[in-house]
């Protein structure tokens, strides 16, 4: 079991940043970051403090999931900490991220997603509506409704709504990063 990954999913499900979780649990942001990357492991009392903030008990946290859930409704979606005014990022399949992270990105005209640096994995996106500019390192490519993108995530990247209407993109990241 990867404790850090489960803690990260719970934090995101509670719409908390690492800093907010750290403050509420009486810890540092750096420590939470290390926990989520499985670079360190918490003592039982520290884990209990974190889980109290996240509304989870120890037994539930360590319980292995039984049958996999196959259907997710609109009201199951969770907004990520990457969202900000003009940019909404919703996790479509919350708390079940194993090999990929499908999200729905909604961008107002002129808005952009946060810039991601190089990281492990692959990314795929499909433009549902609007016009966006895909920034990959120094290259910018304009995409319209019906276009898609796919790239290895070892490049600096972000999306920008370069059109006049709201844009929506289905974005899938593997392995999960949201």
N, C-alpha and C. Protein backbone atom coordinates (compact mmCIF):
# COMPACT_ATOMS: atom_id res chain seq x y z
N UNK A 1 0.85 -1.18 0.00
CA UNK A 1 0.00 0.00 0.00
C UNK A 1 0.89 1.24 0.00
N UNK A 2 0.54 2.19 -0.86
CA UNK A 2 1.26 3.46 -0.92
C UNK A 2 0.49 4.48 -0.09
N UNK A 3 0.94 4.70 1.13
CA UNK A 3 0.27 5.61 2.06
C UNK A 3 0.20 7.02 1.49
N UNK A 4 1.30 7.48 0.92
CA UNK A 4 1.35 8.83 0.39
C UNK A 4 0.32 9.08 -0.70
N UNK A 5 0.18 8.13 -1.60
CA UNK A 5 -0.79 8.27 -2.69
C UNK A 5 -2.21 8.33 -2.13
N UNK A 6 -2.51 7.50 -1.14
CA UNK A 6 -3.85 7.52 -0.54
C UNK A 6 -4.10 8.83 0.19
N UNK A 7 -3.08 9.35 0.87
CA UNK A 7 -3.23 10.64 1.55
C UNK A 7 -3.47 11.77 0.54
N UNK A 8 -2.74 11.74 -0.57
CA UNK A 8 -2.90 12.76 -1.60
C UNK A 8 -4.32 12.74 -2.16
N UNK A 9 -4.83 11.56 -2.44
CA UNK A 9 -6.19 11.43 -2.98
C UNK A 9 -7.22 11.97 -1.99
N UNK A 10 -7.04 11.64 -0.72
CA UNK A 10 -7.96 12.16 0.31
C UNK A 10 -7.88 13.67 0.43
N UNK A 11 -6.66 14.21 0.36
CA UNK A 11 -6.48 15.66 0.45
C UNK A 11 -7.19 16.35 -0.71
N UNK A 12 -7.02 15.82 -1.92
CA UNK A 12 -7.66 16.38 -3.10
C UNK A 12 -9.17 16.25 -2.99
N UNK A 13 -9.64 15.10 -2.52
CA UNK A 13 -11.08 14.89 -2.37
C UNK A 13 -11.68 15.89 -1.38
N UNK A 14 -10.88 16.36 -0.44
CA UNK A 14 -11.33 17.36 0.53
C UNK A 14 -11.03 18.79 0.07
N UNK A 15 -10.56 18.92 -1.16
CA UNK A 15 -10.27 20.23 -1.78
C UNK A 15 -9.31 21.07 -0.92
N UNK A 16 -8.28 20.40 -0.41
CA UNK A 16 -7.27 21.09 0.40
C UNK A 16 -5.94 21.14 -0.34
N UNK A 17 -5.21 22.21 -0.16
CA UNK A 17 -3.84 22.27 -0.66
C UNK A 17 -2.95 21.57 0.37
N UNK A 18 -1.73 21.28 -0.01
CA UNK A 18 -0.80 20.69 0.96
C UNK A 18 -0.60 21.64 2.15
N UNK A 19 -0.52 22.92 1.87
CA UNK A 19 -0.31 23.90 2.93
C UNK A 19 -1.50 23.96 3.89
N UNK A 20 -2.72 23.91 3.34
CA UNK A 20 -3.92 23.93 4.20
C UNK A 20 -3.96 22.70 5.10
N UNK A 21 -3.67 21.53 4.52
CA UNK A 21 -3.65 20.30 5.32
C UNK A 21 -2.59 20.39 6.40
N UNK A 22 -1.40 20.85 6.03
CA UNK A 22 -0.31 20.97 7.00
C UNK A 22 -0.69 21.89 8.15
N UNK A 23 -1.25 23.04 7.83
CA UNK A 23 -1.65 24.00 8.88
C UNK A 23 -2.68 23.40 9.82
N UNK A 24 -3.67 22.72 9.27
CA UNK A 24 -4.74 22.14 10.10
C UNK A 24 -4.25 20.99 10.96
N UNK A 25 -3.22 20.27 10.47
CA UNK A 25 -2.70 19.12 11.21
C UNK A 25 -1.51 19.49 12.09
N UNK A 26 -1.09 20.75 12.05
CA UNK A 26 0.05 21.18 12.85
C UNK A 26 1.38 20.68 12.32
N UNK A 27 1.48 20.55 10.98
CA UNK A 27 2.69 20.04 10.35
C UNK A 27 3.20 21.07 9.34
N UNK A 28 4.26 20.74 8.63
CA UNK A 28 4.76 21.65 7.60
C UNK A 28 4.33 21.16 6.22
N UNK A 29 4.27 22.09 5.29
CA UNK A 29 3.93 21.75 3.91
C UNK A 29 4.96 20.78 3.34
N UNK A 30 6.23 21.00 3.66
CA UNK A 30 7.29 20.12 3.18
C UNK A 30 7.12 18.68 3.64
N UNK A 31 6.68 18.53 4.90
CA UNK A 31 6.46 17.19 5.43
C UNK A 31 5.31 16.50 4.70
N UNK A 32 4.22 17.23 4.46
CA UNK A 32 3.08 16.67 3.72
C UNK A 32 3.52 16.28 2.31
N UNK A 33 4.32 17.11 1.68
CA UNK A 33 4.83 16.82 0.34
C UNK A 33 5.66 15.53 0.34
N UNK A 34 6.52 15.37 1.34
CA UNK A 34 7.32 14.15 1.44
C UNK A 34 6.45 12.92 1.69
N UNK A 35 5.44 13.07 2.53
CA UNK A 35 4.51 11.96 2.78
C UNK A 35 3.82 11.52 1.49
N UNK A 36 3.31 12.50 0.74
CA UNK A 36 2.57 12.17 -0.48
C UNK A 36 3.44 11.53 -1.54
N UNK A 37 4.72 11.77 -1.50
CA UNK A 37 5.65 11.15 -2.46
C UNK A 37 6.29 9.89 -1.88
N UNK A 38 5.81 9.44 -0.72
CA UNK A 38 6.32 8.24 -0.05
C UNK A 38 7.82 8.32 0.21
N UNK A 39 8.30 9.54 0.51
CA UNK A 39 9.71 9.72 0.85
C UNK A 39 9.93 9.57 2.35
N UNK A 40 8.85 9.66 3.11
CA UNK A 40 8.88 9.45 4.56
C UNK A 40 7.54 8.85 4.96
N UNK A 41 7.48 8.30 6.16
CA UNK A 41 6.25 7.68 6.64
C UNK A 41 5.91 8.25 8.01
N UNK A 42 4.63 8.51 8.25
CA UNK A 42 4.22 9.13 9.51
C UNK A 42 4.14 8.12 10.64
N UNK A 43 4.28 8.63 11.86
CA UNK A 43 4.00 7.79 13.03
C UNK A 43 2.48 7.62 13.08
N UNK A 44 2.00 6.68 13.85
CA UNK A 44 0.55 6.46 13.98
C UNK A 44 -0.14 7.72 14.53
N UNK A 45 0.38 8.36 15.58
CA UNK A 45 -0.28 9.59 16.06
C UNK A 45 -0.33 10.69 14.99
N UNK A 46 0.75 10.85 14.23
CA UNK A 46 0.76 11.87 13.18
C UNK A 46 -0.23 11.52 12.08
N UNK A 47 -0.27 10.25 11.68
CA UNK A 47 -1.23 9.82 10.66
C UNK A 47 -2.65 10.06 11.14
N UNK A 48 -2.90 9.78 12.43
CA UNK A 48 -4.25 10.02 12.98
C UNK A 48 -4.60 11.50 12.93
N UNK A 49 -3.66 12.39 13.23
CA UNK A 49 -3.91 13.83 13.14
C UNK A 49 -4.30 14.23 11.71
N UNK A 50 -3.56 13.72 10.74
CA UNK A 50 -3.83 14.03 9.34
C UNK A 50 -5.20 13.50 8.93
N UNK A 51 -5.48 12.26 9.29
CA UNK A 51 -6.76 11.65 8.92
C UNK A 51 -7.94 12.34 9.60
N UNK A 52 -7.74 12.84 10.82
CA UNK A 52 -8.81 13.61 11.49
C UNK A 52 -9.17 14.84 10.67
N UNK A 53 -8.16 15.52 10.15
CA UNK A 53 -8.39 16.70 9.31
C UNK A 53 -9.14 16.30 8.04
N UNK A 54 -8.81 15.13 7.50
CA UNK A 54 -9.40 14.67 6.24
C UNK A 54 -10.72 13.93 6.44
N UNK A 55 -11.18 13.81 7.69
CA UNK A 55 -12.47 13.16 7.96
C UNK A 55 -12.45 11.67 7.73
N UNK A 56 -11.33 11.03 8.00
CA UNK A 56 -11.17 9.60 7.77
C UNK A 56 -10.64 8.96 9.04
N UNK A 57 -11.02 7.72 9.31
CA UNK A 57 -10.46 7.03 10.47
C UNK A 57 -9.43 6.01 10.00
N UNK A 58 -8.60 5.55 10.93
CA UNK A 58 -7.51 4.63 10.58
C UNK A 58 -8.02 3.35 9.92
N UNK A 59 -9.10 2.78 10.45
CA UNK A 59 -9.61 1.53 9.91
C UNK A 59 -10.04 1.69 8.45
N UNK A 60 -10.77 2.75 8.15
CA UNK A 60 -11.22 2.99 6.78
C UNK A 60 -10.04 3.26 5.86
N UNK A 61 -9.06 3.99 6.36
CA UNK A 61 -7.89 4.35 5.55
C UNK A 61 -7.14 3.10 5.08
N UNK A 62 -7.01 2.10 5.97
CA UNK A 62 -6.25 0.91 5.63
C UNK A 62 -7.09 -0.21 5.02
N UNK A 63 -8.40 0.00 4.95
CA UNK A 63 -9.28 -1.02 4.37
C UNK A 63 -9.03 -1.10 2.87
N UNK A 64 -8.82 -2.29 2.38
CA UNK A 64 -8.64 -2.50 0.94
C UNK A 64 -10.00 -2.44 0.27
N UNK A 65 -10.04 -1.79 -0.89
CA UNK A 65 -11.29 -1.69 -1.64
C UNK A 65 -11.69 -3.05 -2.18
N UNK A 66 -12.97 -3.31 -2.18
CA UNK A 66 -13.50 -4.56 -2.71
C UNK A 66 -13.70 -4.43 -4.21
N UNK A 67 -14.95 -4.50 -4.62
CA UNK A 67 -15.29 -4.42 -6.04
C UNK A 67 -15.00 -3.02 -6.59
N UNK A 68 -14.43 -2.98 -7.78
CA UNK A 68 -14.14 -1.69 -8.40
C UNK A 68 -15.41 -1.04 -8.91
N UNK A 69 -15.49 0.24 -8.69
CA UNK A 69 -16.63 1.03 -9.15
C UNK A 69 -16.46 1.30 -10.63
N UNK A 70 -17.53 1.18 -11.41
CA UNK A 70 -17.44 1.35 -12.85
C UNK A 70 -18.15 2.60 -13.36
N UNK A 71 -19.11 3.13 -12.61
CA UNK A 71 -19.89 4.28 -13.07
C UNK A 71 -19.72 5.44 -12.10
N UNK A 72 -19.50 6.62 -12.66
CA UNK A 72 -19.34 7.83 -11.86
C UNK A 72 -20.28 8.89 -12.41
N UNK A 73 -21.09 9.44 -11.52
CA UNK A 73 -22.09 10.44 -11.90
C UNK A 73 -21.51 11.85 -11.84
N UNK A 74 -22.23 12.77 -12.43
CA UNK A 74 -21.80 14.17 -12.46
C UNK A 74 -21.53 14.70 -11.05
N UNK A 75 -22.37 14.34 -10.09
CA UNK A 75 -22.17 14.87 -8.72
C UNK A 75 -21.05 14.15 -7.96
N UNK A 76 -20.39 13.17 -8.57
CA UNK A 76 -19.22 12.53 -7.97
C UNK A 76 -17.94 13.32 -8.22
N UNK A 77 -17.98 14.25 -9.16
CA UNK A 77 -16.78 14.99 -9.56
C UNK A 77 -16.25 15.84 -8.41
N UNK A 78 -14.94 15.98 -8.40
CA UNK A 78 -14.28 16.81 -7.39
C UNK A 78 -13.45 17.88 -8.08
N UNK A 79 -13.55 19.09 -7.59
CA UNK A 79 -12.74 20.18 -8.14
C UNK A 79 -11.36 20.11 -7.48
N UNK A 80 -10.31 20.26 -8.28
CA UNK A 80 -8.95 20.14 -7.75
C UNK A 80 -8.43 21.48 -7.23
N UNK A 81 -7.34 21.40 -6.52
CA UNK A 81 -6.67 22.60 -6.01
C UNK A 81 -6.08 23.41 -7.16
N UNK A 82 -5.97 22.82 -8.37
CA UNK A 82 -5.45 23.54 -9.53
C UNK A 82 -6.48 24.52 -10.10
N UNK A 83 -7.74 24.41 -9.66
CA UNK A 83 -8.78 25.32 -10.14
C UNK A 83 -8.54 26.72 -9.57
N UNK A 84 -8.94 27.70 -10.35
CA UNK A 84 -8.91 29.09 -9.93
C UNK A 84 -9.94 29.84 -10.76
N UNK A 85 -10.27 31.08 -10.41
CA UNK A 85 -11.28 31.80 -11.20
C UNK A 85 -10.93 31.77 -12.69
N UNK A 86 -11.86 31.31 -13.49
CA UNK A 86 -11.64 31.22 -14.93
C UNK A 86 -11.09 29.89 -15.40
N UNK A 87 -10.64 29.04 -14.46
CA UNK A 87 -10.09 27.72 -14.81
C UNK A 87 -10.60 26.70 -13.80
N UNK A 88 -11.46 25.82 -14.26
CA UNK A 88 -12.00 24.79 -13.38
C UNK A 88 -11.47 23.43 -13.83
N UNK A 89 -10.88 22.68 -12.90
CA UNK A 89 -10.35 21.35 -13.19
C UNK A 89 -11.09 20.37 -12.29
N UNK A 90 -11.88 19.48 -12.90
CA UNK A 90 -12.68 18.52 -12.15
C UNK A 90 -12.19 17.09 -12.39
N UNK A 91 -11.95 16.38 -11.30
CA UNK A 91 -11.58 14.97 -11.41
C UNK A 91 -12.86 14.19 -11.71
N UNK A 92 -12.86 13.46 -12.81
CA UNK A 92 -14.05 12.74 -13.25
C UNK A 92 -14.22 11.40 -12.54
N UNK A 93 -13.12 10.79 -12.11
CA UNK A 93 -13.15 9.49 -11.46
C UNK A 93 -12.40 9.61 -10.13
N UNK A 94 -13.03 10.22 -9.11
CA UNK A 94 -12.33 10.47 -7.85
C UNK A 94 -12.05 9.20 -7.06
N UNK A 95 -10.96 9.23 -6.33
CA UNK A 95 -10.54 8.17 -5.41
C UNK A 95 -10.44 6.80 -6.06
N UNK A 96 -10.24 6.76 -7.35
CA UNK A 96 -10.05 5.46 -8.00
C UNK A 96 -8.89 5.52 -8.97
N UNK A 97 -8.06 6.52 -8.80
CA UNK A 97 -6.94 6.72 -9.70
C UNK A 97 -5.91 5.62 -9.50
N UNK A 98 -5.75 4.81 -10.48
CA UNK A 98 -4.76 3.74 -10.39
C UNK A 98 -3.68 3.97 -11.45
N UNK A 99 -4.08 4.03 -12.69
CA UNK A 99 -3.10 4.20 -13.77
C UNK A 99 -3.30 5.47 -14.56
N UNK A 100 -4.44 6.14 -14.38
CA UNK A 100 -4.69 7.37 -15.11
C UNK A 100 -5.59 8.29 -14.31
N UNK A 101 -5.59 9.55 -14.71
CA UNK A 101 -6.34 10.59 -14.04
C UNK A 101 -7.15 11.36 -15.09
N UNK A 102 -8.42 11.00 -15.32
CA UNK A 102 -9.22 11.75 -16.28
C UNK A 102 -9.85 12.98 -15.60
N UNK A 103 -9.68 14.15 -16.23
CA UNK A 103 -10.26 15.38 -15.67
C UNK A 103 -10.98 16.14 -16.78
N UNK A 104 -11.91 17.00 -16.36
CA UNK A 104 -12.60 17.92 -17.26
C UNK A 104 -12.10 19.31 -16.94
N UNK A 105 -11.49 19.97 -17.92
CA UNK A 105 -10.95 21.31 -17.74
C UNK A 105 -11.87 22.29 -18.45
N UNK A 106 -12.32 23.31 -17.72
CA UNK A 106 -13.16 24.36 -18.28
C UNK A 106 -12.40 25.67 -18.15
N UNK A 107 -12.13 26.33 -19.28
CA UNK A 107 -11.33 27.56 -19.30
C UNK A 107 -12.13 28.72 -19.88
N UNK A 108 -12.20 29.81 -19.14
CA UNK A 108 -12.81 31.04 -19.65
C UNK A 108 -11.87 31.66 -20.68
N UNK A 109 -12.39 32.51 -21.58
CA UNK A 109 -11.52 33.16 -22.57
C UNK A 109 -10.35 33.88 -21.89
N UNK A 110 -9.15 33.66 -22.42
CA UNK A 110 -7.94 34.29 -21.89
C UNK A 110 -7.31 33.59 -20.70
N UNK A 111 -7.97 32.60 -20.13
CA UNK A 111 -7.45 31.89 -18.96
C UNK A 111 -6.58 30.72 -19.39
N UNK A 112 -5.81 30.19 -18.44
CA UNK A 112 -4.92 29.07 -18.72
C UNK A 112 -4.83 28.14 -17.52
N UNK A 113 -4.38 26.92 -17.78
CA UNK A 113 -4.13 25.97 -16.71
C UNK A 113 -2.79 26.33 -16.08
N UNK A 114 -2.51 25.73 -14.93
CA UNK A 114 -1.19 25.96 -14.34
C UNK A 114 -0.15 25.28 -15.22
N UNK A 115 1.04 25.83 -15.22
CA UNK A 115 2.12 25.26 -16.02
C UNK A 115 2.71 24.08 -15.27
N UNK A 116 2.83 22.97 -15.97
CA UNK A 116 3.47 21.78 -15.41
C UNK A 116 4.87 21.68 -15.98
N UNK A 117 5.81 21.40 -15.10
CA UNK A 117 7.16 21.13 -15.56
C UNK A 117 7.25 19.69 -16.02
N UNK A 118 8.42 19.27 -16.33
CA UNK A 118 8.66 17.91 -16.76
C UNK A 118 8.31 16.93 -15.64
N UNK A 119 7.57 15.89 -15.96
CA UNK A 119 7.29 14.82 -15.01
C UNK A 119 7.10 13.52 -15.76
N UNK A 120 7.05 12.45 -15.04
CA UNK A 120 6.88 11.12 -15.61
C UNK A 120 5.50 10.98 -16.22
N UNK A 121 5.38 10.21 -17.29
CA UNK A 121 4.07 9.84 -17.80
C UNK A 121 3.73 10.36 -19.17
N UNK A 122 2.45 10.21 -19.50
CA UNK A 122 1.90 10.61 -20.78
C UNK A 122 0.61 11.39 -20.54
N UNK A 123 0.24 12.24 -21.51
CA UNK A 123 -0.97 13.03 -21.38
C UNK A 123 -1.73 13.03 -22.70
N UNK A 124 -3.05 12.97 -22.58
CA UNK A 124 -3.94 12.98 -23.73
C UNK A 124 -5.05 13.98 -23.45
N UNK A 125 -5.45 14.73 -24.47
CA UNK A 125 -6.56 15.65 -24.31
C UNK A 125 -7.42 15.70 -25.55
N UNK A 126 -8.71 15.96 -25.34
CA UNK A 126 -9.68 16.08 -26.43
C UNK A 126 -10.47 17.36 -26.20
N UNK A 127 -10.48 18.25 -27.20
CA UNK A 127 -11.18 19.53 -27.07
C UNK A 127 -12.66 19.31 -27.37
N UNK A 128 -13.49 19.49 -26.34
CA UNK A 128 -14.93 19.33 -26.48
C UNK A 128 -15.58 20.56 -27.09
N UNK A 129 -15.10 21.74 -26.69
CA UNK A 129 -15.62 22.98 -27.27
C UNK A 129 -14.61 24.10 -27.08
N UNK A 130 -14.68 25.08 -27.98
CA UNK A 130 -13.80 26.23 -27.89
C UNK A 130 -12.50 26.03 -28.67
N UNK A 131 -11.58 26.97 -28.44
CA UNK A 131 -10.26 26.97 -29.09
C UNK A 131 -9.20 27.17 -28.01
N UNK A 132 -8.21 26.32 -28.00
CA UNK A 132 -7.14 26.42 -27.00
C UNK A 132 -5.78 26.39 -27.68
N UNK A 133 -4.80 26.92 -26.97
CA UNK A 133 -3.41 26.83 -27.42
C UNK A 133 -2.69 25.88 -26.48
N UNK A 134 -2.08 24.85 -27.05
CA UNK A 134 -1.28 23.90 -26.28
C UNK A 134 0.16 24.40 -26.30
N UNK A 135 0.69 24.67 -25.13
CA UNK A 135 2.08 25.13 -25.00
C UNK A 135 2.93 23.93 -24.57
N UNK A 136 3.83 23.49 -25.44
CA UNK A 136 4.77 22.40 -25.15
C UNK A 136 6.17 22.97 -25.30
N UNK A 137 6.86 23.15 -24.19
CA UNK A 137 8.15 23.82 -24.19
C UNK A 137 7.97 25.17 -24.89
N UNK A 138 8.67 25.40 -25.98
CA UNK A 138 8.59 26.69 -26.70
C UNK A 138 7.58 26.66 -27.86
N UNK A 139 7.00 25.50 -28.13
CA UNK A 139 6.07 25.37 -29.27
C UNK A 139 4.63 25.60 -28.82
N UNK A 140 3.87 26.34 -29.61
CA UNK A 140 2.46 26.62 -29.33
C UNK A 140 1.64 26.12 -30.52
N UNK A 141 0.63 25.28 -30.23
CA UNK A 141 -0.23 24.74 -31.27
C UNK A 141 -1.68 25.05 -30.93
N UNK A 142 -2.42 25.61 -31.89
CA UNK A 142 -3.83 25.94 -31.70
C UNK A 142 -4.68 24.71 -31.98
N UNK A 143 -5.62 24.41 -31.08
CA UNK A 143 -6.51 23.27 -31.22
C UNK A 143 -7.96 23.75 -31.12
N UNK A 144 -8.82 23.17 -31.95
CA UNK A 144 -10.25 23.53 -31.96
C UNK A 144 -11.09 22.32 -31.58
N UNK A 145 -12.37 22.56 -31.39
CA UNK A 145 -13.32 21.50 -31.07
C UNK A 145 -13.08 20.29 -31.98
N UNK A 146 -12.96 19.11 -31.36
CA UNK A 146 -12.74 17.88 -32.11
C UNK A 146 -11.29 17.50 -32.26
N UNK A 147 -10.37 18.44 -32.02
CA UNK A 147 -8.94 18.13 -32.07
C UNK A 147 -8.51 17.47 -30.77
N UNK A 148 -7.40 16.76 -30.81
CA UNK A 148 -6.87 16.16 -29.59
C UNK A 148 -5.35 16.29 -29.57
N UNK A 149 -4.78 16.02 -28.40
CA UNK A 149 -3.33 16.05 -28.25
C UNK A 149 -2.87 14.86 -27.44
N UNK A 150 -1.62 14.48 -27.65
CA UNK A 150 -0.99 13.40 -26.92
C UNK A 150 0.50 13.69 -26.87
N UNK A 151 1.09 13.60 -25.69
CA UNK A 151 2.53 13.83 -25.58
C UNK A 151 3.07 13.18 -24.32
N UNK A 152 4.38 12.92 -24.34
CA UNK A 152 5.08 12.46 -23.14
C UNK A 152 5.21 13.68 -22.24
N UNK A 153 5.00 13.49 -20.95
CA UNK A 153 4.93 14.61 -20.01
C UNK A 153 6.30 15.12 -19.55
N UNK A 154 7.34 14.74 -20.24
CA UNK A 154 8.68 15.19 -19.86
C UNK A 154 9.01 16.56 -20.45
N UNK A 155 7.97 17.32 -20.78
CA UNK A 155 8.13 18.66 -21.34
C UNK A 155 7.30 19.65 -20.54
N UNK A 156 7.72 20.89 -20.50
CA UNK A 156 6.95 21.95 -19.85
C UNK A 156 5.66 22.12 -20.66
N UNK A 157 4.49 22.20 -19.99
CA UNK A 157 3.25 22.25 -20.74
C UNK A 157 2.11 22.92 -19.97
N UNK A 158 1.20 23.52 -20.73
CA UNK A 158 -0.05 24.06 -20.20
C UNK A 158 -0.98 24.38 -21.36
N UNK A 159 -2.26 24.60 -21.04
CA UNK A 159 -3.26 24.98 -22.03
C UNK A 159 -3.73 26.40 -21.76
N UNK A 160 -4.06 27.11 -22.83
CA UNK A 160 -4.56 28.48 -22.72
C UNK A 160 -5.76 28.62 -23.64
N UNK A 161 -6.83 29.22 -23.13
CA UNK A 161 -8.00 29.48 -23.98
C UNK A 161 -7.69 30.72 -24.81
N UNK A 162 -7.46 30.53 -26.10
CA UNK A 162 -7.14 31.65 -26.98
C UNK A 162 -8.35 32.06 -27.82
N UNK A 163 -9.51 31.53 -27.48
CA UNK A 163 -10.73 31.86 -28.21
C UNK A 163 -11.58 32.88 -27.47
N UNK A 164 -12.79 33.08 -27.98
CA UNK A 164 -13.71 34.07 -27.42
C UNK A 164 -14.83 33.45 -26.58
N UNK A 165 -14.88 32.13 -26.53
CA UNK A 165 -15.91 31.43 -25.75
C UNK A 165 -15.23 30.48 -24.77
N UNK A 166 -16.00 30.00 -23.81
CA UNK A 166 -15.49 29.03 -22.84
C UNK A 166 -15.03 27.78 -23.59
N UNK A 167 -13.90 27.24 -23.18
CA UNK A 167 -13.36 26.00 -23.78
C UNK A 167 -13.47 24.88 -22.76
N UNK A 168 -13.73 23.66 -23.24
CA UNK A 168 -13.75 22.48 -22.38
C UNK A 168 -12.90 21.40 -23.01
N UNK A 169 -12.11 20.75 -22.16
CA UNK A 169 -11.18 19.73 -22.62
C UNK A 169 -11.26 18.54 -21.67
N UNK A 170 -11.36 17.35 -22.22
CA UNK A 170 -11.16 16.13 -21.43
C UNK A 170 -9.66 15.89 -21.47
N UNK A 171 -9.04 15.79 -20.28
CA UNK A 171 -7.59 15.65 -20.20
C UNK A 171 -7.29 14.40 -19.36
N UNK A 172 -6.50 13.50 -19.87
CA UNK A 172 -6.16 12.26 -19.18
C UNK A 172 -4.65 12.20 -18.97
N UNK A 173 -4.26 12.01 -17.71
CA UNK A 173 -2.85 11.96 -17.35
C UNK A 173 -2.53 10.59 -16.77
N UNK A 174 -1.44 10.00 -17.22
CA UNK A 174 -1.01 8.71 -16.71
C UNK A 174 0.49 8.76 -16.47
N UNK A 175 0.95 8.44 -15.26
CA UNK A 175 0.19 8.12 -14.06
C UNK A 175 -0.48 9.38 -13.48
N UNK A 176 -1.41 9.19 -12.54
CA UNK A 176 -2.15 10.32 -11.99
C UNK A 176 -1.27 11.38 -11.37
N UNK A 177 -1.64 12.65 -11.62
CA UNK A 177 -0.91 13.76 -11.00
C UNK A 177 -1.85 14.77 -10.36
N UNK A 178 -3.14 14.73 -10.67
CA UNK A 178 -4.08 15.70 -10.12
C UNK A 178 -4.39 15.25 -8.73
